[in-house]
Amino acid sequence: VTQTDWQATTKTHSWPALAAHVTSYHLLMGT
């Protein structure tokens, strides 16, 4: 639901996209 298109399409080859996804995912999970 909250993963952006940019994160989903570039996280496999972009460290910033992967870091943004993992961070937002785990902030939500931590909450």
Full PDB file with SEQRES, HELIX, SHEET, SSBOND, CRYST1, ORIGX, SCALE, CONECT and MASTER records, all heavy atoms in Angstrom:
SEQRES   1 A   31  VAL THR GLN THR ASP TRP GLN ALA THR THR LYS THR HIS          
SEQRES   2 A   31  SER TRP PRO ALA LEU ALA ALA HIS VAL THR SER TYR HIS          
SEQRES   3 A   31  LEU LEU MET GLY THR                                          
HELIX    1 AA1 ASP A    5  THR A   10  1                                   6    
HELIX    2 AA2 TRP A   15  GLY A   30  1                                  16    
CRYST1    1.000    1.000    1.000  90.00  90.00  90.00 P 1           1          
ORIGX1      1.000000  0.000000  0.000000        0.00000                         
ORIGX2      0.000000  1.000000  0.000000        0.00000                         
ORIGX3      0.000000  0.000000  1.000000        0.00000                         
SCALE1      1.000000  0.000000  0.000000        0.00000                         
SCALE2      0.000000  1.000000  0.000000        0.00000                         
SCALE3      0.000000  0.000000  1.000000        0.00000                         
ATOM      1  N   VAL A   1       0.817  -1.212   0.000  1.00  0.00           N  
ATOM      2  CA  VAL A   1       0.000   0.000   0.000  1.00  0.00           C  
ATOM      3  C   VAL A   1       0.854   1.267   0.000  1.00  0.00           C  
ATOM      4  O   VAL A   1       0.625   2.168  -0.801  1.00  0.00           O  
ATOM      5  CB  VAL A   1      -0.979   0.004   1.204  1.00  0.00           C  
ATOM      6  CG1 VAL A   1      -1.795   1.286   1.252  1.00  0.00           C  
ATOM      7  CG2 VAL A   1      -1.895  -1.222   1.147  1.00  0.00           C  
ATOM      8  N   THR A   2       1.852   1.340   0.866  1.00  0.00           N  
ATOM      9  CA  THR A   2       2.605   2.591   1.011  1.00  0.00           C  
ATOM     10  C   THR A   2       3.890   2.648   0.186  1.00  0.00           C  
ATOM     11  O   THR A   2       4.493   3.706   0.089  1.00  0.00           O  
ATOM     12  CB  THR A   2       2.948   2.864   2.491  1.00  0.00           C  
ATOM     13  OG1 THR A   2       3.804   1.829   2.984  1.00  0.00           O  
ATOM     14  CG2 THR A   2       1.684   2.936   3.342  1.00  0.00           C  
ATOM     15  N   GLN A   3       4.293   1.549  -0.410  1.00  0.00           N  
ATOM     16  CA  GLN A   3       5.508   1.572  -1.232  1.00  0.00           C  
ATOM     17  C   GLN A   3       5.248   2.405  -2.490  1.00  0.00           C  
ATOM     18  O   GLN A   3       4.255   2.181  -3.189  1.00  0.00           O  
ATOM     19  CB  GLN A   3       5.917   0.140  -1.627  1.00  0.00           C  
ATOM     20  CG  GLN A   3       7.167   0.079  -2.435  1.00  0.00           C  
ATOM     21  CD  GLN A   3       7.683  -1.334  -2.651  1.00  0.00           C  
ATOM     22  OE1 GLN A   3       8.841  -1.518  -2.894  1.00  0.00           O  
ATOM     23  NE2 GLN A   3       6.826  -2.347  -2.555  1.00  0.00           N  
ATOM     24  N   THR A   4       6.121   3.353  -2.764  1.00  0.00           N  
ATOM     25  CA  THR A   4       5.930   4.222  -3.928  1.00  0.00           C  
ATOM     26  C   THR A   4       6.328   3.499  -5.208  1.00  0.00           C  
ATOM     27  O   THR A   4       7.058   2.501  -5.185  1.00  0.00           O  
ATOM     28  CB  THR A   4       6.772   5.500  -3.804  1.00  0.00           C  
ATOM     29  OG1 THR A   4       8.161   5.149  -3.891  1.00  0.00           O  
ATOM     30  CG2 THR A   4       6.495   6.232  -2.489  1.00  0.00           C  
ATOM     31  N   ASP A   5       5.858   4.029  -6.318  1.00  0.00           N  
ATOM     32  CA  ASP A   5       6.243   3.463  -7.617  1.00  0.00           C  
ATOM     33  C   ASP A   5       7.764   3.512  -7.793  1.00  0.00           C  
ATOM     34  O   ASP A   5       8.362   2.567  -8.291  1.00  0.00           O  
ATOM     35  CB  ASP A   5       5.579   4.229  -8.765  1.00  0.00           C  
ATOM     36  CG  ASP A   5       4.086   3.964  -8.872  1.00  0.00           C  
ATOM     37  OD1 ASP A   5       3.602   2.984  -8.265  1.00  0.00           O  
ATOM     38  OD2 ASP A   5       3.400   4.738  -9.565  1.00  0.00           O  
ATOM     39  N   TRP A   6       8.371   4.634  -7.397  1.00  0.00           N  
ATOM     40  CA  TRP A   6       9.824   4.776  -7.518  1.00  0.00           C  
ATOM     41  C   TRP A   6      10.548   3.689  -6.724  1.00  0.00           C  
ATOM     42  O   TRP A   6      11.480   3.062  -7.225  1.00  0.00           O  
ATOM     43  CB  TRP A   6      10.248   6.168  -7.033  1.00  0.00           C  
ATOM     44  CG  TRP A   6      11.725   6.332  -6.891  1.00  0.00           C  
ATOM     45  CD1 TRP A   6      12.649   6.387  -7.910  1.00  0.00           C  
ATOM     46  CD2 TRP A   6      12.464   6.456  -5.678  1.00  0.00           C  
ATOM     47  NE1 TRP A   6      13.918   6.532  -7.390  1.00  0.00           N  
ATOM     48  CE2 TRP A   6      13.819   6.587  -6.012  1.00  0.00           C  
ATOM     49  CE3 TRP A   6      12.109   6.483  -4.331  1.00  0.00           C  
ATOM     50  CZ2 TRP A   6      14.829   6.733  -5.063  1.00  0.00           C  
ATOM     51  CZ3 TRP A   6      13.105   6.636  -3.395  1.00  0.00           C  
ATOM     52  CH2 TRP A   6      14.451   6.752  -3.758  1.00  0.00           C  
ATOM     53  N   GLN A   7      10.116   3.445  -5.496  1.00  0.00           N  
ATOM     54  CA  GLN A   7      10.735   2.404  -4.682  1.00  0.00           C  
ATOM     55  C   GLN A   7      10.553   1.041  -5.326  1.00  0.00           C  
ATOM     56  O   GLN A   7      11.505   0.271  -5.451  1.00  0.00           O  
ATOM     57  CB  GLN A   7      10.132   2.399  -3.269  1.00  0.00           C  
ATOM     58  CG  GLN A   7      10.472   3.620  -2.453  1.00  0.00           C  
ATOM     59  CD  GLN A   7       9.636   3.738  -1.197  1.00  0.00           C  
ATOM     60  OE1 GLN A   7       8.704   2.959  -0.966  1.00  0.00           O  
ATOM     61  NE2 GLN A   7       9.950   4.719  -0.366  1.00  0.00           N  
ATOM     62  N   ALA A   8       9.341   0.741  -5.743  1.00  0.00           N  
ATOM     63  CA  ALA A   8       9.032  -0.582  -6.293  1.00  0.00           C  
ATOM     64  C   ALA A   8       9.793  -0.865  -7.586  1.00  0.00           C  
ATOM     65  O   ALA A   8      10.225  -1.992  -7.808  1.00  0.00           O  
ATOM     66  CB  ALA A   8       7.529  -0.710  -6.529  1.00  0.00           C  
ATOM     67  N   THR A   9       9.948   0.146  -8.417  1.00  0.00           N  
ATOM     68  CA  THR A   9      10.565  -0.098  -9.726  1.00  0.00           C  
ATOM     69  C   THR A   9      12.076   0.040  -9.733  1.00  0.00           C  
ATOM     70  O   THR A   9      12.724  -0.447 -10.667  1.00  0.00           O  
ATOM     71  CB  THR A   9       9.976   0.840 -10.801  1.00  0.00           C  
ATOM     72  OG1 THR A   9      10.190   2.195 -10.403  1.00  0.00           O  
ATOM     73  CG2 THR A   9       8.499   0.575 -11.007  1.00  0.00           C  
ATOM     74  N   THR A  10      12.656   0.664  -8.713  1.00  0.00           N  
ATOM     75  CA  THR A  10      14.111   0.875  -8.747  1.00  0.00           C  
ATOM     76  C   THR A  10      14.885   0.272  -7.577  1.00  0.00           C  
ATOM     77  O   THR A  10      16.105   0.280  -7.584  1.00  0.00           O  
ATOM     78  CB  THR A  10      14.446   2.379  -8.845  1.00  0.00           C  
ATOM     79  OG1 THR A  10      13.931   3.047  -7.695  1.00  0.00           O  
ATOM     80  CG2 THR A  10      13.879   2.997 -10.100  1.00  0.00           C  
ATOM     81  N   LYS A  11      14.188  -0.286  -6.585  1.00  0.00           N  
ATOM     82  CA  LYS A  11      14.882  -0.797  -5.396  1.00  0.00           C  
ATOM     83  C   LYS A  11      15.833  -1.953  -5.700  1.00  0.00           C  
ATOM     84  O   LYS A  11      16.760  -2.208  -4.943  1.00  0.00           O  
ATOM     85  CB  LYS A  11      13.885  -1.206  -4.315  1.00  0.00           C  
ATOM     86  CG  LYS A  11      13.019  -2.401  -4.696  1.00  0.00           C  
ATOM     87  CD  LYS A  11      11.960  -2.667  -3.655  1.00  0.00           C  
ATOM     88  CE  LYS A  11      11.073  -3.800  -4.107  1.00  0.00           C  
ATOM     89  NZ  LYS A  11       9.977  -4.019  -3.175  1.00  0.00           N  
ATOM     90  N   THR A  12      15.619  -2.643  -6.808  1.00  0.00           N  
ATOM     91  CA  THR A  12      16.498  -3.775  -7.136  1.00  0.00           C  
ATOM     92  C   THR A  12      17.871  -3.318  -7.609  1.00  0.00           C  
ATOM     93  O   THR A  12      18.817  -4.098  -7.572  1.00  0.00           O  
ATOM     94  CB  THR A  12      15.871  -4.677  -8.211  1.00  0.00           C  
ATOM     95  OG1 THR A  12      15.693  -3.917  -9.404  1.00  0.00           O  
ATOM     96  CG2 THR A  12      14.556  -5.264  -7.741  1.00  0.00           C  
ATOM     97  N   HIS A  13      17.991  -2.059  -8.030  1.00  0.00           N  
ATOM     98  CA  HIS A  13      19.283  -1.578  -8.512  1.00  0.00           C  
ATOM     99  C   HIS A  13      19.657  -0.202  -7.971  1.00  0.00           C  
ATOM    100  O   HIS A  13      20.703   0.331  -8.323  1.00  0.00           O  
ATOM    101  CB  HIS A  13      19.311  -1.564 -10.048  1.00  0.00           C  
ATOM    102  CG  HIS A  13      18.245  -0.722 -10.663  1.00  0.00           C  
ATOM    103  ND1 HIS A  13      16.981  -1.196 -10.885  1.00  0.00           N  
ATOM    104  CD2 HIS A  13      18.243   0.572 -11.075  1.00  0.00           C  
ATOM    105  CE1 HIS A  13      16.246  -0.232 -11.424  1.00  0.00           C  
ATOM    106  NE2 HIS A  13      16.994   0.842 -11.546  1.00  0.00           N  
ATOM    107  N   SER A  14      18.822   0.374  -7.114  1.00  0.00           N  
ATOM    108  CA  SER A  14      19.094   1.689  -6.532  1.00  0.00           C  
ATOM    109  C   SER A  14      19.132   1.585  -5.011  1.00  0.00           C  
ATOM    110  O   SER A  14      18.122   1.271  -4.378  1.00  0.00           O  
ATOM    111  CB  SER A  14      18.000   2.685  -6.948  1.00  0.00           C  
ATOM    112  OG  SER A  14      18.051   3.849  -6.145  1.00  0.00           O  
ATOM    113  N   TRP A  15      20.305   1.853  -4.437  1.00  0.00           N  
ATOM    114  CA  TRP A  15      20.422   1.812  -2.980  1.00  0.00           C  
ATOM    115  C   TRP A  15      19.529   2.855  -2.308  1.00  0.00           C  
ATOM    116  O   TRP A  15      18.894   2.549  -1.292  1.00  0.00           O  
ATOM    117  CB  TRP A  15      21.876   1.970  -2.547  1.00  0.00           C  
ATOM    118  CG  TRP A  15      22.710   0.780  -2.905  1.00  0.00           C  
ATOM    119  CD1 TRP A  15      23.699   0.730  -3.838  1.00  0.00           C  
ATOM    120  CD2 TRP A  15      22.612  -0.544  -2.362  1.00  0.00           C  
ATOM    121  NE1 TRP A  15      24.228  -0.548  -3.911  1.00  0.00           N  
ATOM    122  CE2 TRP A  15      23.584  -1.344  -3.015  1.00  0.00           C  
ATOM    123  CE3 TRP A  15      21.802  -1.152  -1.397  1.00  0.00           C  
ATOM    124  CZ2 TRP A  15      23.762  -2.690  -2.726  1.00  0.00           C  
ATOM    125  CZ3 TRP A  15      21.993  -2.484  -1.105  1.00  0.00           C  
ATOM    126  CH2 TRP A  15      22.959  -3.245  -1.770  1.00  0.00           C  
ATOM    127  N   PRO A  16      19.426   4.085  -2.827  1.00  0.00           N  
ATOM    128  CA  PRO A  16      18.520   5.055  -2.184  1.00  0.00           C  
ATOM    129  C   PRO A  16      17.057   4.601  -2.201  1.00  0.00           C  
ATOM    130  O   PRO A  16      16.341   4.792  -1.209  1.00  0.00           O  
ATOM    131  CB  PRO A  16      18.716   6.337  -3.004  1.00  0.00           C  
ATOM    132  CG  PRO A  16      20.099   6.212  -3.572  1.00  0.00           C  
ATOM    133  CD  PRO A  16      20.264   4.737  -3.862  1.00  0.00           C  
ATOM    134  N   ALA A  17      16.603   4.021  -3.301  1.00  0.00           N  
ATOM    135  CA  ALA A  17      15.218   3.534  -3.363  1.00  0.00           C  
ATOM    136  C   ALA A  17      15.005   2.390  -2.380  1.00  0.00           C  
ATOM    137  O   ALA A  17      13.978   2.340  -1.689  1.00  0.00           O  
ATOM    138  CB  ALA A  17      14.875   3.084  -4.782  1.00  0.00           C  
ATOM    139  N   LEU A  18      15.963   1.476  -2.306  1.00  0.00           N  
ATOM    140  CA  LEU A  18      15.853   0.364  -1.367  1.00  0.00           C  
ATOM    141  C   LEU A  18      15.849   0.875   0.073  1.00  0.00           C  
ATOM    142  O   LEU A  18      15.026   0.441   0.890  1.00  0.00           O  
ATOM    143  CB  LEU A  18      16.997  -0.636  -1.576  1.00  0.00           C  
ATOM    144  CG  LEU A  18      16.982  -1.855  -0.652  1.00  0.00           C  
ATOM    145  CD1 LEU A  18      15.769  -2.731  -0.924  1.00  0.00           C  
ATOM    146  CD2 LEU A  18      18.274  -2.653  -0.812  1.00  0.00           C  
ATOM    147  N   ALA A  19      16.740   1.805   0.379  1.00  0.00           N  
ATOM    148  CA  ALA A  19      16.802   2.357   1.739  1.00  0.00           C  
ATOM    149  C   ALA A  19      15.509   3.076   2.104  1.00  0.00           C  
ATOM    150  O   ALA A  19      15.010   2.935   3.229  1.00  0.00           O  
ATOM    151  CB  ALA A  19      17.990   3.307   1.864  1.00  0.00           C  
ATOM    152  N   ALA A  20      14.946   3.831   1.160  1.00  0.00           N  
ATOM    153  CA  ALA A  20      13.686   4.530   1.424  1.00  0.00           C  
ATOM    154  C   ALA A  20      12.559   3.537   1.685  1.00  0.00           C  
ATOM    155  O   ALA A  20      11.751   3.723   2.609  1.00  0.00           O  
ATOM    156  CB  ALA A  20      13.338   5.440   0.244  1.00  0.00           C  
ATOM    157  N   HIS A  21      12.512   2.474   0.883  1.00  0.00           N  
ATOM    158  CA  HIS A  21      11.465   1.469   1.071  1.00  0.00           C  
ATOM    159  C   HIS A  21      11.617   0.755   2.412  1.00  0.00           C  
ATOM    160  O   HIS A  21      10.651   0.641   3.183  1.00  0.00           O  
ATOM    161  CB  HIS A  21      11.491   0.449  -0.070  1.00  0.00           C  
ATOM    162  CG  HIS A  21      10.632  -0.739   0.181  1.00  0.00           C  
ATOM    163  ND1 HIS A  21       9.275  -0.644   0.450  1.00  0.00           N  
ATOM    164  CD2 HIS A  21      10.927  -2.067   0.237  1.00  0.00           C  
ATOM    165  CE1 HIS A  21       8.783  -1.857   0.652  1.00  0.00           C  
ATOM    166  NE2 HIS A  21       9.772  -2.734   0.529  1.00  0.00           N  
ATOM    167  N   VAL A  22      12.809   0.271   2.702  1.00  0.00           N  
ATOM    168  CA  VAL A  22      13.028  -0.475   3.947  1.00  0.00           C  
ATOM    169  C   VAL A  22      12.764   0.429   5.160  1.00  0.00           C  
ATOM    170  O   VAL A  22      12.173  -0.014   6.151  1.00  0.00           O  
ATOM    171  CB  VAL A  22      14.448  -1.089   3.974  1.00  0.00           C  
ATOM    172  CG1 VAL A  22      14.773  -1.665   5.338  1.00  0.00           C  
ATOM    173  CG2 VAL A  22      14.567  -2.168   2.901  1.00  0.00           C  
ATOM    174  N   THR A  23      13.139   1.685   5.069  1.00  0.00           N  
ATOM    175  CA  THR A  23      12.903   2.613   6.176  1.00  0.00           C  
ATOM    176  C   THR A  23      11.418   2.876   6.388  1.00  0.00           C  
ATOM    177  O   THR A  23      10.918   2.748   7.520  1.00  0.00           O  
ATOM    178  CB  THR A  23      13.642   3.944   5.923  1.00  0.00           C  
ATOM    179  OG1 THR A  23      15.047   3.678   5.833  1.00  0.00           O  
ATOM    180  CG2 THR A  23      13.378   4.932   7.044  1.00  0.00           C  
ATOM    181  N   SER A  24      10.691   3.225   5.326  1.00  0.00           N  
ATOM    182  CA  SER A  24       9.267   3.521   5.498  1.00  0.00           C  
ATOM    183  C   SER A  24       8.488   2.280   5.928  1.00  0.00           C  
ATOM    184  O   SER A  24       7.591   2.355   6.778  1.00  0.00           O  
ATOM    185  CB  SER A  24       8.668   4.117   4.216  1.00  0.00           C  
ATOM    186  OG  SER A  24       8.731   3.203   3.147  1.00  0.00           O  
ATOM    187  N   TYR A  25       8.838   1.133   5.366  1.00  0.00           N  
ATOM    188  CA  TYR A  25       8.209  -0.143   5.722  1.00  0.00           C  
ATOM    189  C   TYR A  25       8.376  -0.417   7.216  1.00  0.00           C  
ATOM    190  O   TYR A  25       7.427  -0.774   7.917  1.00  0.00           O  
ATOM    191  CB  TYR A  25       8.873  -1.233   4.874  1.00  0.00           C  
ATOM    192  CG  TYR A  25       8.487  -2.661   5.155  1.00  0.00           C  
ATOM    193  CD1 TYR A  25       7.614  -3.330   4.309  1.00  0.00           C  
ATOM    194  CD2 TYR A  25       9.050  -3.384   6.205  1.00  0.00           C  
ATOM    195  CE1 TYR A  25       7.294  -4.664   4.508  1.00  0.00           C  
ATOM    196  CE2 TYR A  25       8.736  -4.710   6.427  1.00  0.00           C  
ATOM    197  CZ  TYR A  25       7.860  -5.352   5.576  1.00  0.00           C  
ATOM    198  OH  TYR A  25       7.553  -6.669   5.777  1.00  0.00           O  
ATOM    199  N   HIS A  26       9.597  -0.228   7.725  1.00  0.00           N  
ATOM    200  CA  HIS A  26       9.853  -0.577   9.121  1.00  0.00           C  
ATOM    201  C   HIS A  26       9.396   0.499  10.105  1.00  0.00           C  
ATOM    202  O   HIS A  26       9.129   0.190  11.268  1.00  0.00           O  
ATOM    203  CB  HIS A  26      11.312  -0.992   9.299  1.00  0.00           C  
ATOM    204  CG  HIS A  26      11.534  -2.352   8.734  1.00  0.00           C  
ATOM    205  ND1 HIS A  26      11.886  -2.560   7.416  1.00  0.00           N  
ATOM    206  CD2 HIS A  26      11.357  -3.583   9.281  1.00  0.00           C  
ATOM    207  CE1 HIS A  26      11.945  -3.860   7.189  1.00  0.00           C  
ATOM    208  NE2 HIS A  26      11.620  -4.498   8.290  1.00  0.00           N  
ATOM    209  N   LEU A  27       9.274   1.737   9.660  1.00  0.00           N  
ATOM    210  CA  LEU A  27       8.643   2.741  10.521  1.00  0.00           C  
ATOM    211  C   LEU A  27       7.172   2.400  10.730  1.00  0.00           C  
ATOM    212  O   LEU A  27       6.659   2.478  11.849  1.00  0.00           O  
ATOM    213  CB  LEU A  27       8.788   4.136   9.910  1.00  0.00           C  
ATOM    214  CG  LEU A  27      10.168   4.770  10.015  1.00  0.00           C  
ATOM    215  CD1 LEU A  27      10.233   6.062   9.199  1.00  0.00           C  
ATOM    216  CD2 LEU A  27      10.533   5.032  11.471  1.00  0.00           C  
ATOM    217  N   LEU A  28       6.517   1.994   9.657  1.00  0.00           N  
ATOM    218  CA  LEU A  28       5.120   1.558   9.756  1.00  0.00           C  
ATOM    219  C   LEU A  28       5.009   0.312  10.637  1.00  0.00           C  
ATOM    220  O   LEU A  28       4.167   0.239  11.541  1.00  0.00           O  
ATOM    221  CB  LEU A  28       4.558   1.286   8.357  1.00  0.00           C  
ATOM    222  CG  LEU A  28       3.147   0.726   8.266  1.00  0.00           C  
ATOM    223  CD1 LEU A  28       2.137   1.677   8.887  1.00  0.00           C  
ATOM    224  CD2 LEU A  28       2.799   0.450   6.823  1.00  0.00           C  
ATOM    225  N   MET A  29       5.870  -0.658  10.392  1.00  0.00           N  
ATOM    226  CA  MET A  29       5.826  -1.889  11.169  1.00  0.00           C  
ATOM    227  C   MET A  29       6.122  -1.609  12.654  1.00  0.00           C  
ATOM    228  O   MET A  29       5.473  -2.171  13.539  1.00  0.00           O  
ATOM    229  CB  MET A  29       6.814  -2.916  10.615  1.00  0.00           C  
ATOM    230  CG  MET A  29       6.712  -4.271  11.298  1.00  0.00           C  
ATOM    231  SD  MET A  29       7.680  -5.507  10.460  1.00  0.00           S  
ATOM    232  CE  MET A  29       6.665  -5.787   9.018  1.00  0.00           C  
ATOM    233  N   GLY A  30       7.089  -0.741  12.908  1.00  0.00           N  
ATOM    234  CA  GLY A  30       7.409  -0.393  14.288  1.00  0.00           C  
ATOM    235  C   GLY A  30       6.235   0.256  14.994  1.00  0.00           C  
ATOM    236  O   GLY A  30       5.975  -0.010  16.182  1.00  0.00           O  
ATOM    237  N   THR A  31       5.501   1.085  14.270  1.00  0.00           N  
ATOM    238  CA  THR A  31       4.307   1.712  14.841  1.00  0.00           C  
ATOM    239  C   THR A  31       3.272   0.652  15.219  1.00  0.00           C  
ATOM    240  O   THR A  31       2.689   0.700  16.307  1.00  0.00           O  
ATOM    241  CB  THR A  31       3.712   2.724  13.845  1.00  0.00           C  
ATOM    242  OG1 THR A  31       4.707   3.716  13.553  1.00  0.00           O  
ATOM    243  CG2 THR A  31       2.475   3.388  14.412  1.00  0.00           C  
TER     244      THR A  31                                                      
MASTER        0    0    0    2    0    0    0    6  243    1    0    3          
END                                                                             
